[in-house]
Amino acid sequence: MINPGQRQLVHKFLLLDLAIKSLQVDYLKVEHFKLKKVFIPFMDSLLKDLRNECFELKRQLAQQRIRIVGWTKVDEYFSDVKIATSGNDVDLRYANQALKTKVEHLLNNHINEKLKM
């Protein structure tokens, strides 16, 4: 089993992982922008920050012997995430729309932080 603190770490890791994957898909589209010389360095910096944060969370989870085994799409509305722990495996169910909204919020927060610098 995982405690609430560990579950928060897993949740944040999942959001960061999804944010990185989404940005990687969008990155290919940015390369076709007329102002790509403005957007590409910004996206590179954002991706670097997100990857560093994701790597640190993955390291923390590994220290607690927790790892994400895989995603399973239940239907168009829900997905299950299988988490391996030193005791039992745990399945967490997430609403896809809620994940999308939280990833958007996470990215907006990171972008706003970058713009303040």
C-alpha atoms as a PDB file:
ATOM      1  CA  MET A   1       0.000   0.000   0.000  1.00  0.00           C
ATOM      2  CA  ILE A   2       0.997   3.591  -0.399  1.00  0.00           C
ATOM      3  CA  ASN A   3       0.373   6.332   2.121  1.00  0.00           C
ATOM      4  CA  PRO A   4      -1.194   9.709   1.204  1.00  0.00           C
ATOM      5  CA  GLY A   5       2.211  11.416   0.911  1.00  0.00           C
ATOM      6  CA  GLN A   6       3.456   8.770  -1.497  1.00  0.00           C
ATOM      7  CA  ARG A   7       0.226   8.993  -3.461  1.00  0.00           C
ATOM      8  CA  GLN A   8       0.781  12.742  -3.877  1.00  0.00           C
ATOM      9  CA  LEU A   9       4.292  12.074  -5.202  1.00  0.00           C
ATOM     10  CA  VAL A  10       2.912   9.502  -7.654  1.00  0.00           C
ATOM     11  CA  HIS A  11       0.187  11.916  -8.745  1.00  0.00           C
ATOM     12  CA  LYS A  12       2.654  14.757  -9.335  1.00  0.00           C
ATOM     13  CA  PHE A  13       4.984  12.404 -11.216  1.00  0.00           C
ATOM     14  CA  LEU A  14       2.122  11.276 -13.473  1.00  0.00           C
ATOM     15  CA  LEU A  15       1.131  14.876 -14.217  1.00  0.00           C
ATOM     16  CA  LEU A  16       4.722  15.829 -15.057  1.00  0.00           C
ATOM     17  CA  ASP A  17       5.106  12.767 -17.272  1.00  0.00           C
ATOM     18  CA  LEU A  18       1.902  13.612 -19.152  1.00  0.00           C
ATOM     19  CA  ALA A  19       2.942  17.260 -19.480  1.00  0.00           C
ATOM     20  CA  ILE A  20       6.303  16.254 -20.974  1.00  0.00           C
ATOM     21  CA  LYS A  21       4.668  13.869 -23.436  1.00  0.00           C
ATOM     22  CA  SER A  22       2.140  16.513 -24.488  1.00  0.00           C
ATOM     23  CA  LEU A  23       4.837  19.126 -25.012  1.00  0.00           C
ATOM     24  CA  GLN A  24       6.889  16.694 -27.068  1.00  0.00           C
ATOM     25  CA  VAL A  25       3.931  16.158 -29.395  1.00  0.00           C
ATOM     26  CA  ASP A  26       3.290  19.910 -29.639  1.00  0.00           C
ATOM     27  CA  TYR A  27       7.005  20.586 -30.189  1.00  0.00           C
ATOM     28  CA  LEU A  28       6.777  19.045 -33.648  1.00  0.00           C
ATOM     29  CA  LYS A  29       4.036  21.519 -34.547  1.00  0.00           C
ATOM     30  CA  VAL A  30       5.989  24.499 -33.198  1.00  0.00           C
ATOM     31  CA  GLU A  31       8.780  23.742 -35.657  1.00  0.00           C
ATOM     32  CA  HIS A  32       6.411  24.892 -38.417  1.00  0.00           C
ATOM     33  CA  PHE A  33       5.601  28.272 -36.812  1.00  0.00           C
ATOM     34  CA  LYS A  34       6.828  31.415 -38.500  1.00  0.00           C
ATOM     35  CA  LEU A  35       8.180  32.586 -35.137  1.00  0.00           C
ATOM     36  CA  LYS A  36       9.724  29.259 -34.243  1.00  0.00           C
ATOM     37  CA  LYS A  37      12.973  30.983 -33.223  1.00  0.00           C
ATOM     38  CA  VAL A  38      11.029  32.529 -30.345  1.00  0.00           C
ATOM     39  CA  PHE A  39       9.011  29.498 -29.275  1.00  0.00           C
ATOM     40  CA  ILE A  40      11.532  26.663 -29.633  1.00  0.00           C
ATOM     41  CA  PRO A  41      14.058  27.983 -27.051  1.00  0.00           C
ATOM     42  CA  PHE A  42      11.192  28.656 -24.653  1.00  0.00           C
ATOM     43  CA  MET A  43       9.808  25.144 -25.082  1.00  0.00           C
ATOM     44  CA  ASP A  44      13.306  23.658 -24.765  1.00  0.00           C
ATOM     45  CA  SER A  45      13.780  25.434 -21.449  1.00  0.00           C
ATOM     46  CA  LEU A  46      10.325  24.412 -20.226  1.00  0.00           C
ATOM     47  CA  LEU A  47      10.906  20.778 -21.197  1.00  0.00           C
ATOM     48  CA  LYS A  48      14.288  20.779 -19.472  1.00  0.00           C
ATOM     49  CA  ASP A  49      12.769  22.087 -16.231  1.00  0.00           C
ATOM     50  CA  LEU A  50       9.917  19.584 -16.345  1.00  0.00           C
ATOM     51  CA  ARG A  51      12.273  16.677 -17.061  1.00  0.00           C
ATOM     52  CA  ASN A  52      14.533  17.657 -14.159  1.00  0.00           C
ATOM     53  CA  GLU A  53      11.543  17.837 -11.793  1.00  0.00           C
ATOM     54  CA  CYS A  54      10.201  14.530 -13.121  1.00  0.00           C
ATOM     55  CA  PHE A  55      13.602  12.865 -12.716  1.00  0.00           C
ATOM     56  CA  GLU A  56      13.821  14.067  -9.103  1.00  0.00           C
ATOM     57  CA  LEU A  57      10.345  12.707  -8.310  1.00  0.00           C
ATOM     58  CA  LYS A  58      11.184   9.396  -9.959  1.00  0.00           C
ATOM     59  CA  ARG A  59      14.307   9.199  -7.807  1.00  0.00           C
ATOM     60  CA  GLN A  60      12.270   9.902  -4.647  1.00  0.00           C
ATOM     61  CA  LEU A  61       9.752   7.233  -5.604  1.00  0.00           C
ATOM     62  CA  ALA A  62      12.538   4.729  -6.316  1.00  0.00           C
ATOM     63  CA  GLN A  63      13.997   5.361  -2.866  1.00  0.00           C
ATOM     64  CA  GLN A  64      10.617   4.387  -1.425  1.00  0.00           C
ATOM     65  CA  ARG A  65      10.484   1.345  -3.735  1.00  0.00           C
ATOM     66  CA  ILE A  66       7.563   2.670  -5.735  1.00  0.00           C
ATOM     67  CA  ARG A  67       7.415   2.540  -9.504  1.00  0.00           C
ATOM     68  CA  ILE A  68       4.797   3.106 -12.158  1.00  0.00           C
ATOM     69  CA  VAL A  69       4.264  -0.149 -14.060  1.00  0.00           C
ATOM     70  CA  GLY A  70       1.833   1.045 -16.709  1.00  0.00           C
ATOM     71  CA  TRP A  71      -1.300   2.789 -17.892  1.00  0.00           C
ATOM     72  CA  THR A  72      -4.468   1.028 -18.946  1.00  0.00           C
ATOM     73  CA  LYS A  73      -7.258   2.885 -20.654  1.00  0.00           C
ATOM     74  CA  VAL A  74     -10.516   1.663 -19.100  1.00  0.00           C
ATOM     75  CA  ASP A  75     -12.778   3.591 -21.472  1.00  0.00           C
ATOM     76  CA  GLU A  76     -12.947   7.070 -22.974  1.00  0.00           C
ATOM     77  CA  TYR A  77     -13.435   8.596 -19.516  1.00  0.00           C
ATOM     78  CA  PHE A  78     -11.108   6.701 -17.175  1.00  0.00           C
ATOM     79  CA  SER A  79      -7.607   5.227 -17.048  1.00  0.00           C
ATOM     80  CA  ASP A  80      -5.974   2.949 -14.484  1.00  0.00           C
ATOM     81  CA  VAL A  81      -2.378   3.326 -13.385  1.00  0.00           C
ATOM     82  CA  LYS A  82      -0.650   0.259 -11.951  1.00  0.00           C
ATOM     83  CA  ILE A  83       1.864   1.075  -9.246  1.00  0.00           C
ATOM     84  CA  ALA A  84       4.331  -1.484  -7.895  1.00  0.00           C
ATOM     85  CA  THR A  85       5.324  -1.150  -4.249  1.00  0.00           C
ATOM     86  CA  SER A  86       7.483  -3.295  -2.012  1.00  0.00           C
ATOM     87  CA  GLY A  87       4.303  -4.794  -0.545  1.00  0.00           C
ATOM     88  CA  ASN A  88       1.445  -4.945  -3.027  1.00  0.00           C
ATOM     89  CA  ASP A  89       0.658  -3.609  -6.450  1.00  0.00           C
ATOM     90  CA  VAL A  90      -1.901  -0.822  -6.415  1.00  0.00           C
ATOM     91  CA  ASP A  91      -4.261   0.292  -9.170  1.00  0.00           C
ATOM     92  CA  LEU A  92      -5.295   3.946  -9.145  1.00  0.00           C
ATOM     93  CA  ARG A  93      -8.158   5.130 -11.345  1.00  0.00           C
ATOM     94  CA  TYR A  94      -8.005   8.589 -12.905  1.00  0.00           C
ATOM     95  CA  ALA A  95     -10.584  10.549 -14.846  1.00  0.00           C
ATOM     96  CA  ASN A  96      -8.999  11.457 -18.188  1.00  0.00           C
ATOM     97  CA  GLN A  97     -10.571  14.933 -18.334  1.00  0.00           C
ATOM     98  CA  ALA A  98      -9.396  15.715 -14.799  1.00  0.00           C
ATOM     99  CA  LEU A  99      -5.849  14.678 -15.737  1.00  0.00           C
ATOM    100  CA  LYS A 100      -5.958  16.895 -18.810  1.00  0.00           C
ATOM    101  CA  THR A 101      -7.162  19.866 -16.755  1.00  0.00           C
ATOM    102  CA  LYS A 102      -4.492  19.321 -14.095  1.00  0.00           C
ATOM    103  CA  VAL A 103      -1.748  19.024 -16.724  1.00  0.00           C
ATOM    104  CA  GLU A 104      -2.916  22.292 -18.303  1.00  0.00           C
ATOM    105  CA  HIS A 105      -2.865  23.947 -14.872  1.00  0.00           C
ATOM    106  CA  LEU A 106       0.633  22.572 -14.164  1.00  0.00           C
ATOM    107  CA  LEU A 107       1.928  23.871 -17.493  1.00  0.00           C
ATOM    108  CA  ASN A 108       0.319  27.272 -16.964  1.00  0.00           C
ATOM    109  CA  ASN A 109       2.015  27.549 -13.571  1.00  0.00           C
ATOM    110  CA  HIS A 110       5.427  26.619 -15.011  1.00  0.00           C
ATOM    111  CA  ILE A 111       4.993  29.038 -17.922  1.00  0.00           C
ATOM    112  CA  ASN A 112       3.981  31.877 -15.594  1.00  0.00           C
ATOM    113  CA  GLU A 113       7.053  31.192 -13.432  1.00  0.00           C
ATOM    114  CA  LYS A 114       9.277  31.299 -16.513  1.00  0.00           C
ATOM    115  CA  LEU A 115       7.751  34.585 -17.693  1.00  0.00           C
ATOM    116  CA  LYS A 116       8.394  36.191 -14.292  1.00  0.00           C
ATOM    117  CA  MET A 117      12.133  35.470 -14.565  1.00  0.00           C
END
